[in-house]
Amino acid sequence: MAKTQGPTYQPSKIRRIRKFGFMKRNSTSDGKKVLRRRRIKGRYKLTVSSEFGTVSIVKNKKFSRRR
């Protein structure tokens, strides 16, 4: 029996920020430990939210309706 191709990955920037962003990391004790380790290691980017212009995402109402 042949394998069928599964659904392709449909990335969402806002979902990624909400799941792995700075606010999410900083809200839990384990997340704070992650941030601490990344600071000690000298990472340029601590979280994925630093990849995007978070100011424009917060101001845009389209992204703030679903939590």
PDB file of N, CA and C in Angstrom:
ATOM      1  N   MET A   1       0.845  -1.185   0.000  1.00  0.00           N
ATOM      2  CA  MET A   1       0.000   0.000   0.000  1.00  0.00           C
ATOM      3  C   MET A   1       0.895   1.255   0.000  1.00  0.00           C
ATOM      4  N   ALA A   2       0.599   2.189  -0.864  1.00  0.00           N
ATOM      5  CA  ALA A   2       1.394   3.399  -1.003  1.00  0.00           C
ATOM      6  C   ALA A   2       1.015   4.417   0.073  1.00  0.00           C
ATOM      7  N   LYS A   3       2.027   5.131   0.542  1.00  0.00           N
ATOM      8  CA  LYS A   3       1.786   6.178   1.533  1.00  0.00           C
ATOM      9  C   LYS A   3       1.295   7.433   0.828  1.00  0.00           C
ATOM     10  N   THR A   4       0.335   8.094   1.431  1.00  0.00           N
ATOM     11  CA  THR A   4      -0.145   9.353   0.863  1.00  0.00           C
ATOM     12  C   THR A   4       0.577  10.507   1.539  1.00  0.00           C
ATOM     13  N   GLN A   5       0.674  11.592   0.829  1.00  0.00           N
ATOM     14  CA  GLN A   5       1.340  12.762   1.368  1.00  0.00           C
ATOM     15  C   GLN A   5       0.428  13.444   2.384  1.00  0.00           C
ATOM     16  N   GLY A   6       0.989  13.815   3.520  1.00  0.00           N
ATOM     17  CA  GLY A   6       0.223  14.489   4.566  1.00  0.00           C
ATOM     18  C   GLY A   6       0.041  15.959   4.250  1.00  0.00           C
ATOM     19  N   PRO A   7      -0.666  16.667   5.113  1.00  0.00           N
ATOM     20  CA  PRO A   7      -0.862  18.102   4.890  1.00  0.00           C
ATOM     21  C   PRO A   7       0.457  18.856   5.028  1.00  0.00           C
ATOM     22  N   THR A   8       0.645  19.834   4.169  1.00  0.00           N
ATOM     23  CA  THR A   8       1.886  20.604   4.207  1.00  0.00           C
ATOM     24  C   THR A   8       1.840  21.615   5.338  1.00  0.00           C
ATOM     25  N   TYR A   9       2.991  22.006   5.804  1.00  0.00           N
ATOM     26  CA  TYR A   9       3.115  22.948   6.917  1.00  0.00           C
ATOM     27  C   TYR A   9       2.672  24.339   6.480  1.00  0.00           C
ATOM     28  N   GLN A  10       1.736  24.902   7.218  1.00  0.00           N
ATOM     29  CA  GLN A  10       1.226  26.246   6.940  1.00  0.00           C
ATOM     30  C   GLN A  10       1.615  27.158   8.101  1.00  0.00           C
ATOM     31  N   PRO A  11       2.783  27.781   8.052  1.00  0.00           N
ATOM     32  CA  PRO A  11       3.258  28.545   9.203  1.00  0.00           C
ATOM     33  C   PRO A  11       2.433  29.796   9.481  1.00  0.00           C
ATOM     34  N   SER A  12       2.282  30.084  10.768  1.00  0.00           N
ATOM     35  CA  SER A  12       1.586  31.287  11.200  1.00  0.00           C
ATOM     36  C   SER A  12       2.509  32.046  12.144  1.00  0.00           C
ATOM     37  N   LYS A  13       2.848  33.265  11.792  1.00  0.00           N
ATOM     38  CA  LYS A  13       3.768  34.052  12.609  1.00  0.00           C
ATOM     39  C   LYS A  13       3.169  34.362  13.976  1.00  0.00           C
ATOM     40  N   ILE A  14       1.912  34.744  14.001  1.00  0.00           N
ATOM     41  CA  ILE A  14       1.297  35.149  15.260  1.00  0.00           C
ATOM     42  C   ILE A  14       1.148  33.960  16.208  1.00  0.00           C
ATOM     43  N   ARG A  15       0.821  32.800  15.671  1.00  0.00           N
ATOM     44  CA  ARG A  15       0.701  31.605  16.508  1.00  0.00           C
ATOM     45  C   ARG A  15       2.062  31.213  17.089  1.00  0.00           C
ATOM     46  N   ARG A  16       3.089  31.372  16.274  1.00  0.00           N
ATOM     47  CA  ARG A  16       4.447  31.059  16.711  1.00  0.00           C
ATOM     48  C   ARG A  16       4.886  32.010  17.825  1.00  0.00           C
ATOM     49  N   ILE A  17       4.568  33.294  17.680  1.00  0.00           N
ATOM     50  CA  ILE A  17       4.932  34.275  18.700  1.00  0.00           C
ATOM     51  C   ILE A  17       4.197  33.994  20.002  1.00  0.00           C
ATOM     52  N   ARG A  18       2.921  33.667  19.916  1.00  0.00           N
ATOM     53  CA  ARG A  18       2.138  33.409  21.118  1.00  0.00           C
ATOM     54  C   ARG A  18       2.581  32.151  21.847  1.00  0.00           C
ATOM     55  N   LYS A  19       3.074  31.187  21.100  1.00  0.00           N
ATOM     56  CA  LYS A  19       3.481  29.926  21.715  1.00  0.00           C
ATOM     57  C   LYS A  19       4.911  29.955  22.245  1.00  0.00           C
ATOM     58  N   PHE A  20       5.818  30.637  21.529  1.00  0.00           N
ATOM     59  CA  PHE A  20       7.230  30.616  21.882  1.00  0.00           C
ATOM     60  C   PHE A  20       7.829  31.997  22.092  1.00  0.00           C
ATOM     61  N   GLY A  21       6.999  33.020  22.194  1.00  0.00           N
ATOM     62  CA  GLY A  21       7.496  34.383  22.322  1.00  0.00           C
ATOM     63  C   GLY A  21       7.978  34.717  23.720  1.00  0.00           C
ATOM     64  N   PHE A  22       8.478  35.932  23.871  1.00  0.00           N
ATOM     65  CA  PHE A  22       9.054  36.377  25.134  1.00  0.00           C
ATOM     66  C   PHE A  22       8.028  36.386  26.261  1.00  0.00           C
ATOM     67  N   MET A  23       6.842  36.897  25.994  1.00  0.00           N
ATOM     68  CA  MET A  23       5.816  36.975  27.044  1.00  0.00           C
ATOM     69  C   MET A  23       5.425  35.593  27.545  1.00  0.00           C
ATOM     70  N   LYS A  24       5.328  34.646  26.641  1.00  0.00           N
ATOM     71  CA  LYS A  24       4.983  33.278  27.019  1.00  0.00           C
ATOM     72  C   LYS A  24       6.107  32.646  27.836  1.00  0.00           C
ATOM     73  N   ARG A  25       7.342  32.837  27.376  1.00  0.00           N
ATOM     74  CA  ARG A  25       8.490  32.293  28.106  1.00  0.00           C
ATOM     75  C   ARG A  25       8.596  32.911  29.500  1.00  0.00           C
ATOM     76  N   ASN A  26       8.390  34.200  29.574  1.00  0.00           N
ATOM     77  CA  ASN A  26       8.561  34.908  30.835  1.00  0.00           C
ATOM     78  C   ASN A  26       7.414  34.654  31.813  1.00  0.00           C
ATOM     79  N   SER A  27       6.331  34.040  31.366  1.00  0.00           N
ATOM     80  CA  SER A  27       5.178  33.820  32.237  1.00  0.00           C
ATOM     81  C   SER A  27       5.287  32.547  33.068  1.00  0.00           C
ATOM     82  N   THR A  28       6.229  31.672  32.754  1.00  0.00           N
ATOM     83  CA  THR A  28       6.384  30.434  33.520  1.00  0.00           C
ATOM     84  C   THR A  28       7.795  30.362  34.095  1.00  0.00           C
ATOM     85  N   SER A  29       7.940  29.604  35.170  1.00  0.00           N
ATOM     86  CA  SER A  29       9.259  29.488  35.799  1.00  0.00           C
ATOM     87  C   SER A  29      10.241  28.759  34.886  1.00  0.00           C
ATOM     88  N   ASP A  30       9.771  27.718  34.201  1.00  0.00           N
ATOM     89  CA  ASP A  30      10.652  27.004  33.269  1.00  0.00           C
ATOM     90  C   ASP A  30      11.039  27.891  32.094  1.00  0.00           C
ATOM     91  N   GLY A  31      10.105  28.729  31.641  1.00  0.00           N
ATOM     92  CA  GLY A  31      10.409  29.647  30.552  1.00  0.00           C
ATOM     93  C   GLY A  31      11.457  30.669  30.944  1.00  0.00           C
ATOM     94  N   LYS A  32      11.390  31.119  32.211  1.00  0.00           N
ATOM     95  CA  LYS A  32      12.397  32.057  32.712  1.00  0.00           C
ATOM     96  C   LYS A  32      13.770  31.404  32.757  1.00  0.00           C
ATOM     97  N   LYS A  33      13.784  30.117  33.067  1.00  0.00           N
ATOM     98  CA  LYS A  33      15.051  29.381  33.062  1.00  0.00           C
ATOM     99  C   LYS A  33      15.626  29.296  31.646  1.00  0.00           C
ATOM    100  N   VAL A  34      14.741  29.113  30.671  1.00  0.00           N
ATOM    101  CA  VAL A  34      15.173  29.074  29.266  1.00  0.00           C
ATOM    102  C   VAL A  34      15.805  30.408  28.884  1.00  0.00           C
ATOM    103  N   LEU A  35      15.134  31.509  29.226  1.00  0.00           N
ATOM    104  CA  LEU A  35      15.656  32.840  28.912  1.00  0.00           C
ATOM    105  C   LEU A  35      16.998  33.067  29.601  1.00  0.00           C
ATOM    106  N   ARG A  36      17.093  32.632  30.852  1.00  0.00           N
ATOM    107  CA  ARG A  36      18.338  32.798  31.605  1.00  0.00           C
ATOM    108  C   ARG A  36      19.480  32.042  30.939  1.00  0.00           C
ATOM    109  N   ARG A  37      19.237  30.789  30.542  1.00  0.00           N
ATOM    110  CA  ARG A  37      20.272  29.993  29.880  1.00  0.00           C
ATOM    111  C   ARG A  37      20.712  30.628  28.564  1.00  0.00           C
ATOM    112  N   ARG A  38      19.753  31.161  27.816  1.00  0.00           N
ATOM    113  CA  ARG A  38      20.085  31.759  26.522  1.00  0.00           C
ATOM    114  C   ARG A  38      20.863  33.065  26.701  1.00  0.00           C
ATOM    115  N   ARG A  39      20.560  33.817  27.775  1.00  0.00           N
ATOM    116  CA  ARG A  39      21.323  35.035  28.058  1.00  0.00           C
ATOM    117  C   ARG A  39      22.762  34.684  28.435  1.00  0.00           C
ATOM    118  N   ILE A  40      22.919  33.661  29.279  1.00  0.00           N
ATOM    119  CA  ILE A  40      24.247  33.238  29.713  1.00  0.00           C
ATOM    120  C   ILE A  40      25.074  32.776  28.515  1.00  0.00           C
ATOM    121  N   LYS A  41      24.433  32.064  27.607  1.00  0.00           N
ATOM    122  CA  LYS A  41      25.127  31.555  26.432  1.00  0.00           C
ATOM    123  C   LYS A  41      25.470  32.678  25.453  1.00  0.00           C
ATOM    124  N   GLY A  42      24.766  33.803  25.563  1.00  0.00           N
ATOM    125  CA  GLY A  42      25.049  34.950  24.707  1.00  0.00           C
ATOM    126  C   GLY A  42      24.287  34.935  23.396  1.00  0.00           C
ATOM    127  N   ARG A  43      23.096  34.371  23.424  1.00  0.00           N
ATOM    128  CA  ARG A  43      22.287  34.312  22.206  1.00  0.00           C
ATOM    129  C   ARG A  43      21.901  35.720  21.747  1.00  0.00           C
ATOM    130  N   TYR A  44      21.966  35.908  20.426  1.00  0.00           N
ATOM    131  CA  TYR A  44      21.542  37.191  19.855  1.00  0.00           C
ATOM    132  C   TYR A  44      20.032  37.338  19.969  1.00  0.00           C
ATOM    133  N   LYS A  45      19.309  36.258  19.695  1.00  0.00           N
ATOM    134  CA  LYS A  45      17.857  36.264  19.813  1.00  0.00           C
ATOM    135  C   LYS A  45      17.456  35.364  20.980  1.00  0.00           C
ATOM    136  N   LEU A  46      16.744  35.922  21.940  1.00  0.00           N
ATOM    137  CA  LEU A  46      16.288  35.116  23.077  1.00  0.00           C
ATOM    138  C   LEU A  46      15.069  34.291  22.720  1.00  0.00           C
ATOM    139  N   THR A  47      14.159  34.881  21.949  1.00  0.00           N
ATOM    140  CA  THR A  47      12.914  34.196  21.597  1.00  0.00           C
ATOM    141  C   THR A  47      12.565  34.493  20.144  1.00  0.00           C
ATOM    142  N   VAL A  48      11.532  33.814  19.651  1.00  0.00           N
ATOM    143  CA  VAL A  48      11.126  34.044  18.270  1.00  0.00           C
ATOM    144  C   VAL A  48      10.494  35.411  18.091  1.00  0.00           C
ATOM    145  N   SER A  49       9.961  35.995  19.169  1.00  0.00           N
ATOM    146  CA  SER A  49       9.319  37.295  19.021  1.00  0.00           C
ATOM    147  C   SER A  49      10.325  38.381  18.665  1.00  0.00           C
ATOM    148  N   SER A  50      11.611  38.121  18.906  1.00  0.00           N
ATOM    149  CA  SER A  50      12.623  39.107  18.524  1.00  0.00           C
ATOM    150  C   SER A  50      12.901  39.076  17.018  1.00  0.00           C
ATOM    151  N   GLU A  51      12.410  38.038  16.335  1.00  0.00           N
ATOM    152  CA  GLU A  51      12.586  37.960  14.883  1.00  0.00           C
ATOM    153  C   GLU A  51      11.639  38.897  14.151  1.00  0.00           C
ATOM    154  N   PHE A  52      10.493  39.173  14.768  1.00  0.00           N
ATOM    155  CA  PHE A  52       9.457  39.970  14.129  1.00  0.00           C
ATOM    156  C   PHE A  52       9.345  41.322  14.805  1.00  0.00           C
ATOM    157  N   GLY A  53       8.776  42.287  14.108  1.00  0.00           N
ATOM    158  CA  GLY A  53       8.513  43.582  14.712  1.00  0.00           C
ATOM    159  C   GLY A  53       7.273  43.468  15.586  1.00  0.00           C
ATOM    160  N   THR A  54       7.447  43.194  16.863  1.00  0.00           N
ATOM    161  CA  THR A  54       6.313  42.909  17.744  1.00  0.00           C
ATOM    162  C   THR A  54       5.389  44.106  17.912  1.00  0.00           C
ATOM    163  N   VAL A  55       5.914  45.316  17.731  1.00  0.00           N
ATOM    164  CA  VAL A  55       5.082  46.504  17.887  1.00  0.00           C
ATOM    165  C   VAL A  55       3.966  46.506  16.845  1.00  0.00           C
ATOM    166  N   SER A  56       4.303  46.170  15.602  1.00  0.00           N
ATOM    167  CA  SER A  56       3.288  46.181  14.552  1.00  0.00           C
ATOM    168  C   SER A  56       2.258  45.083  14.757  1.00  0.00           C
ATOM    169  N   ILE A  57       2.658  43.981  15.349  1.00  0.00           N
ATOM    170  CA  ILE A  57       1.726  42.883  15.588  1.00  0.00           C
ATOM    171  C   ILE A  57       0.764  43.236  16.721  1.00  0.00           C
ATOM    172  N   VAL A  58       1.272  43.904  17.766  1.00  0.00           N
ATOM    173  CA  VAL A  58       0.419  44.287  18.881  1.00  0.00           C
ATOM    174  C   VAL A  58      -0.591  45.339  18.447  1.00  0.00           C
ATOM    175  N   LYS A  59      -0.178  46.276  17.609  1.00  0.00           N
ATOM    176  CA  LYS A  59      -1.071  47.348  17.178  1.00  0.00           C
ATOM    177  C   LYS A  59      -2.146  46.863  16.208  1.00  0.00           C
ATOM    178  N   ASN A  60      -1.842  45.811  15.452  1.00  0.00           N
ATOM    179  CA  ASN A  60      -2.781  45.330  14.449  1.00  0.00           C
ATOM    180  C   ASN A  60      -3.914  44.555  15.124  1.00  0.00           C
ATOM    181  N   LYS A  61      -5.157  45.016  14.983  1.00  0.00           N
ATOM    182  CA  LYS A  61      -6.286  44.400  15.658  1.00  0.00           C
ATOM    183  C   LYS A  61      -6.599  43.006  15.135  1.00  0.00           C
ATOM    184  N   LYS A  62      -6.191  42.741  13.909  1.00  0.00           N
ATOM    185  CA  LYS A  62      -6.461  41.437  13.316  1.00  0.00           C
ATOM    186  C   LYS A  62      -5.831  40.325  14.155  1.00  0.00           C
ATOM    187  N   PHE A  63      -4.672  40.600  14.747  1.00  0.00           N
ATOM    188  CA  PHE A  63      -3.958  39.589  15.497  1.00  0.00           C
ATOM    189  C   PHE A  63      -4.389  39.527  16.966  1.00  0.00           C
ATOM    190  N   SER A  64      -5.023  40.558  17.480  1.00  0.00           N
ATOM    191  CA  SER A  64      -5.315  40.584  18.914  1.00  0.00           C
ATOM    192  C   SER A  64      -6.685  39.989  19.250  1.00  0.00           C
ATOM    193  N   ARG A  65      -7.435  39.516  18.280  1.00  0.00           N
ATOM    194  CA  ARG A  65      -8.792  39.046  18.602  1.00  0.00           C
ATOM    195  C   ARG A  65      -8.828  37.630  19.173  1.00  0.00           C
ATOM    196  N   ARG A  66      -7.797  36.808  18.883  1.00  0.00           N
ATOM    197  CA  ARG A  66      -7.848  35.425  19.344  1.00  0.00           C
ATOM    198  C   ARG A  66      -6.711  35.152  20.313  1.00  0.00           C
ATOM    199  N   ARG A  67      -7.028  34.524  21.425  1.00  0.00           N
ATOM    200  CA  ARG A  67      -6.000  34.218  22.430  1.00  0.00           C
ATOM    201  C   ARG A  67      -5.964  32.746  22.731  1.00  0.00           C
TER     202      ARG A  67
END
